[in-house]
């Protein structure tokens, strides 16, 4: 969508950088247990999670609608000596390759139409990590951009849920969030601290 691209390009040019800073604490905590291979960071923004994955040895694809954001992310990655494949795409219509990724990360972005395509992009035995805003009772007007309570559990009902939390976590200023780590059936089971 041209309007979304313009909005995000303008925000990044003005210095408004939401969800920038260190990588997701949730992803960082799970990183040692995740399967190795190819990673995908969806709606990468300024690339904080893509860089983390690349530094951990993943071959990373990072997708976002903003060319300005991707330019800033690319400079950040280059400064840290990481190589990432940056993909500029409209996530309403973008189709990732099926069965390709060991790890797919989507942090603080919600696109329900994209979700089935992302699930299909995870290889058997691969993992998807989602962390985004959860709808609060007093926010009905913004609910389409926020998960409903229990929505991630339903979305991943056919997968093995390794961790699922809903609530307020850490400092970060993200408010109430829902987050999940889920493994697609069909591959080697992960060795996690809970097992």
Protein backbone atom coordinates (compact mmCIF):
# COMPACT_ATOMS: atom_id res chain seq x y z
CA UNK A 1 0.00 0.00 0.00
CA UNK A 2 1.41 3.31 -1.08
CA UNK A 3 -0.08 5.13 1.95
CA UNK A 4 1.63 2.76 4.41
CA UNK A 5 4.95 3.08 2.60
CA UNK A 6 4.69 6.89 2.62
CA UNK A 7 3.71 6.95 6.30
CA UNK A 8 6.64 4.79 7.43
CA UNK A 9 9.17 6.48 5.16
CA UNK A 10 8.10 9.85 6.56
CA UNK A 11 8.30 8.61 10.16
CA UNK A 12 11.79 7.21 9.73
CA UNK A 13 13.01 10.35 7.93
CA UNK A 14 11.68 12.51 10.79
CA UNK A 15 13.55 10.44 13.40
CA UNK A 16 10.42 8.76 14.77
CA UNK A 17 11.62 5.20 15.36
CA UNK A 18 9.05 3.07 17.19
CA UNK A 19 10.20 -0.33 18.43
CA UNK A 20 13.83 0.55 17.84
CA UNK A 21 16.54 -0.23 20.34
CA UNK A 22 17.79 -3.60 21.48
CA UNK A 23 16.41 -6.82 20.02
CA UNK A 24 13.34 -8.44 21.53
CA UNK A 25 14.09 -9.83 24.99
CA UNK A 26 11.69 -12.67 24.22
CA UNK A 27 13.59 -13.64 21.05
CA UNK A 28 16.94 -13.22 22.81
CA UNK A 29 15.87 -15.59 25.59
CA UNK A 30 14.74 -18.26 23.13
CA UNK A 31 17.63 -17.91 20.66
CA UNK A 32 19.88 -20.67 22.13
CA UNK A 33 17.10 -23.26 21.72
CA UNK A 34 15.91 -22.44 18.20
CA UNK A 35 16.68 -24.60 15.15
CA UNK A 36 19.49 -23.34 12.93
CA UNK A 37 19.31 -22.41 9.26
CA UNK A 38 17.45 -19.63 7.52
CA UNK A 39 15.60 -16.90 9.44
CA UNK A 40 12.92 -14.39 8.46
CA UNK A 41 12.20 -11.12 10.25
CA UNK A 42 8.76 -9.81 9.24
CA UNK A 43 8.12 -6.05 9.32
CA UNK A 44 11.76 -5.67 10.30
CA UNK A 45 11.61 -1.90 10.75
CA UNK A 46 15.17 -0.89 11.61
CA UNK A 47 16.38 -4.48 11.73
CA UNK A 48 17.02 -5.00 15.44
CA UNK A 49 15.83 -8.64 15.40
CA UNK A 50 17.28 -9.38 11.94
CA UNK A 51 20.73 -8.32 13.13
CA UNK A 52 20.42 -10.51 16.23
CA UNK A 53 19.57 -13.53 14.08
CA UNK A 54 22.42 -12.80 11.64
CA UNK A 55 24.92 -12.45 14.49
CA UNK A 56 23.75 -15.84 15.78
CA UNK A 57 24.63 -17.43 12.43
CA UNK A 58 21.28 -17.45 10.61
CA UNK A 59 21.01 -16.65 6.90
CA UNK A 60 18.46 -13.86 7.32
CA UNK A 61 15.80 -12.40 5.08
CA UNK A 62 14.22 -9.23 6.49
CA UNK A 63 11.11 -7.75 4.91
CA UNK A 64 9.49 -4.34 5.35
CA UNK A 65 7.47 -1.84 3.33
CA UNK A 66 9.72 1.17 4.04
CA UNK A 67 12.75 1.76 1.84
CA UNK A 68 13.94 4.38 4.32
CA UNK A 69 13.70 1.94 7.22
CA UNK A 70 15.49 -0.76 5.23
CA UNK A 71 18.26 1.70 4.34
CA UNK A 72 18.77 2.54 8.01
CA UNK A 73 18.62 -1.17 8.92
CA UNK A 74 21.16 -2.00 6.23
CA UNK A 75 23.57 0.62 7.59
CA UNK A 76 23.13 -0.80 11.10
CA UNK A 77 23.83 -4.35 9.88
CA UNK A 78 26.88 -3.25 7.89
CA UNK A 79 28.29 -1.42 10.92
CA UNK A 80 28.03 -4.67 12.87
CA UNK A 81 29.50 -6.78 10.08
CA UNK A 82 26.37 -8.81 9.39
CA UNK A 83 24.91 -9.79 6.04
CA UNK A 84 21.15 -9.71 5.63
CA UNK A 85 18.96 -9.97 2.55
CA UNK A 86 16.66 -6.92 2.71
CA UNK A 87 13.30 -7.26 0.96
CA UNK A 88 11.11 -4.23 0.30
CA UNK A 89 7.54 -5.48 -0.05
CA UNK A 90 3.91 -4.75 0.75
CA UNK A 91 3.07 -7.36 3.37
CA UNK A 92 -0.59 -7.36 2.32
CA UNK A 93 0.41 -9.11 -0.90
CA UNK A 94 3.93 -10.53 -0.31
CA UNK A 95 4.20 -14.32 -0.39
CA UNK A 96 7.27 -15.86 1.27
CA UNK A 97 8.60 -19.18 -0.04
CA UNK A 98 6.92 -22.23 1.51
CA UNK A 99 8.78 -24.54 3.92
CA UNK A 100 11.90 -22.37 3.84
CA UNK A 101 12.62 -20.91 7.26
CA UNK A 102 13.90 -22.48 10.47
CA UNK A 103 12.77 -19.38 12.37
CA UNK A 104 10.20 -16.71 11.53
CA UNK A 105 9.94 -13.67 13.81
CA UNK A 106 7.12 -11.12 13.79
CA UNK A 107 7.46 -8.48 16.50
CA UNK A 108 4.98 -5.65 17.05
CA UNK A 109 3.24 -6.02 13.73
CA UNK A 110 -0.10 -7.65 13.03
CA UNK A 111 -1.45 -8.67 9.65
CA UNK A 112 -4.03 -11.43 9.94
CA UNK A 113 -4.13 -12.00 6.16
CA UNK A 114 -0.38 -12.59 6.11
CA UNK A 115 -0.43 -15.11 8.96
CA UNK A 116 -1.35 -18.25 6.92
CA UNK A 117 1.46 -17.44 4.47
CA UNK A 118 3.94 -17.10 7.33
CA UNK A 119 2.84 -20.39 8.85
CA UNK A 120 3.43 -22.06 5.48
CA UNK A 121 6.89 -20.43 5.22
CA UNK A 122 8.14 -22.22 8.35
CA UNK A 123 9.81 -25.52 7.50
CA UNK A 124 8.66 -28.70 9.33
CA UNK A 125 10.24 -28.58 12.78
CA UNK A 126 10.82 -24.84 12.45
CA UNK A 127 9.65 -22.22 14.90
CA UNK A 128 7.59 -19.06 14.71
CA UNK A 129 7.88 -16.33 17.33
CA UNK A 130 5.19 -13.67 17.51
CA UNK A 131 5.14 -10.79 19.97
CA UNK A 132 2.66 -7.95 19.58
CA UNK A 133 0.10 -5.75 21.26
CA UNK A 134 -2.90 -7.31 22.95
CA UNK A 135 -6.26 -5.60 22.88
CA UNK A 136 -7.29 -4.01 26.15
CA UNK A 137 -10.95 -3.86 27.12
CA UNK A 138 -11.06 -0.09 26.71
CA UNK A 139 -9.58 -0.02 23.19
CA UNK A 140 -12.26 -1.33 20.83
CA UNK A 141 -11.49 1.24 18.14
CA UNK A 142 -7.92 -0.03 17.71
CA UNK A 143 -8.69 -3.72 17.99
CA UNK A 144 -7.86 -4.59 14.38
CA UNK A 145 -4.23 -3.71 15.09
CA UNK A 146 -4.14 -5.71 18.32
CA UNK A 147 -4.55 -9.38 19.11
CA UNK A 148 -7.61 -10.58 20.93
CA UNK A 149 -7.02 -12.59 24.12
CA UNK A 150 -6.38 -16.23 23.19
CA UNK A 151 -5.97 -15.44 19.48
CA UNK A 152 -2.41 -16.77 19.20
CA UNK A 153 -3.36 -20.04 20.92
CA UNK A 154 -6.11 -20.55 18.34
CA UNK A 155 -3.84 -19.56 15.44
CA UNK A 156 -1.24 -22.15 16.45
CA UNK A 157 -3.64 -24.89 17.58
CA UNK A 158 -2.08 -27.47 15.22
CA UNK A 159 1.49 -26.60 16.32
CA UNK A 160 3.35 -27.38 19.54
CA UNK A 161 3.19 -24.32 21.74
CA UNK A 162 6.48 -23.99 23.60
CA UNK A 163 5.60 -20.76 25.39
CA UNK A 164 2.56 -18.52 25.39
CA UNK A 165 2.11 -15.45 27.55
CA UNK A 166 -0.32 -12.57 27.65
CA UNK A 167 0.20 -9.59 29.92
CA UNK A 168 2.64 -6.80 30.70
CA UNK A 169 6.31 -7.77 30.59
CA UNK A 170 9.48 -5.85 31.41
CA UNK A 171 10.02 -2.15 30.86
CA UNK A 172 9.88 -1.58 27.10
CA UNK A 173 6.72 0.57 27.16
CA UNK A 174 4.78 -1.81 24.93
CA UNK A 175 1.79 -2.06 27.25
CA UNK A 176 -0.09 -5.35 27.27
CA UNK A 177 1.27 -7.91 24.83
CA UNK A 178 0.69 -11.44 23.63
CA UNK A 179 3.67 -13.57 22.68
CA UNK A 180 4.21 -17.12 21.55
CA UNK A 181 6.93 -19.55 20.53
CA UNK A 182 5.43 -22.41 18.51
CA UNK A 183 7.04 -25.29 16.62
CA UNK A 184 5.63 -26.61 13.38
CA UNK A 185 5.01 -30.37 13.46
CA UNK A 186 7.10 -32.70 11.36
CA UNK A 187 10.68 -32.08 12.38
CA UNK A 188 13.02 -32.79 15.25
CA UNK A 189 11.65 -31.69 18.59
CA UNK A 190 13.48 -28.80 20.19
CA UNK A 191 15.50 -29.32 23.33
CA UNK A 192 14.27 -26.51 25.55
CA UNK A 193 14.80 -25.78 29.24
CA UNK A 194 11.24 -26.93 29.93
CA UNK A 195 11.88 -30.47 28.66
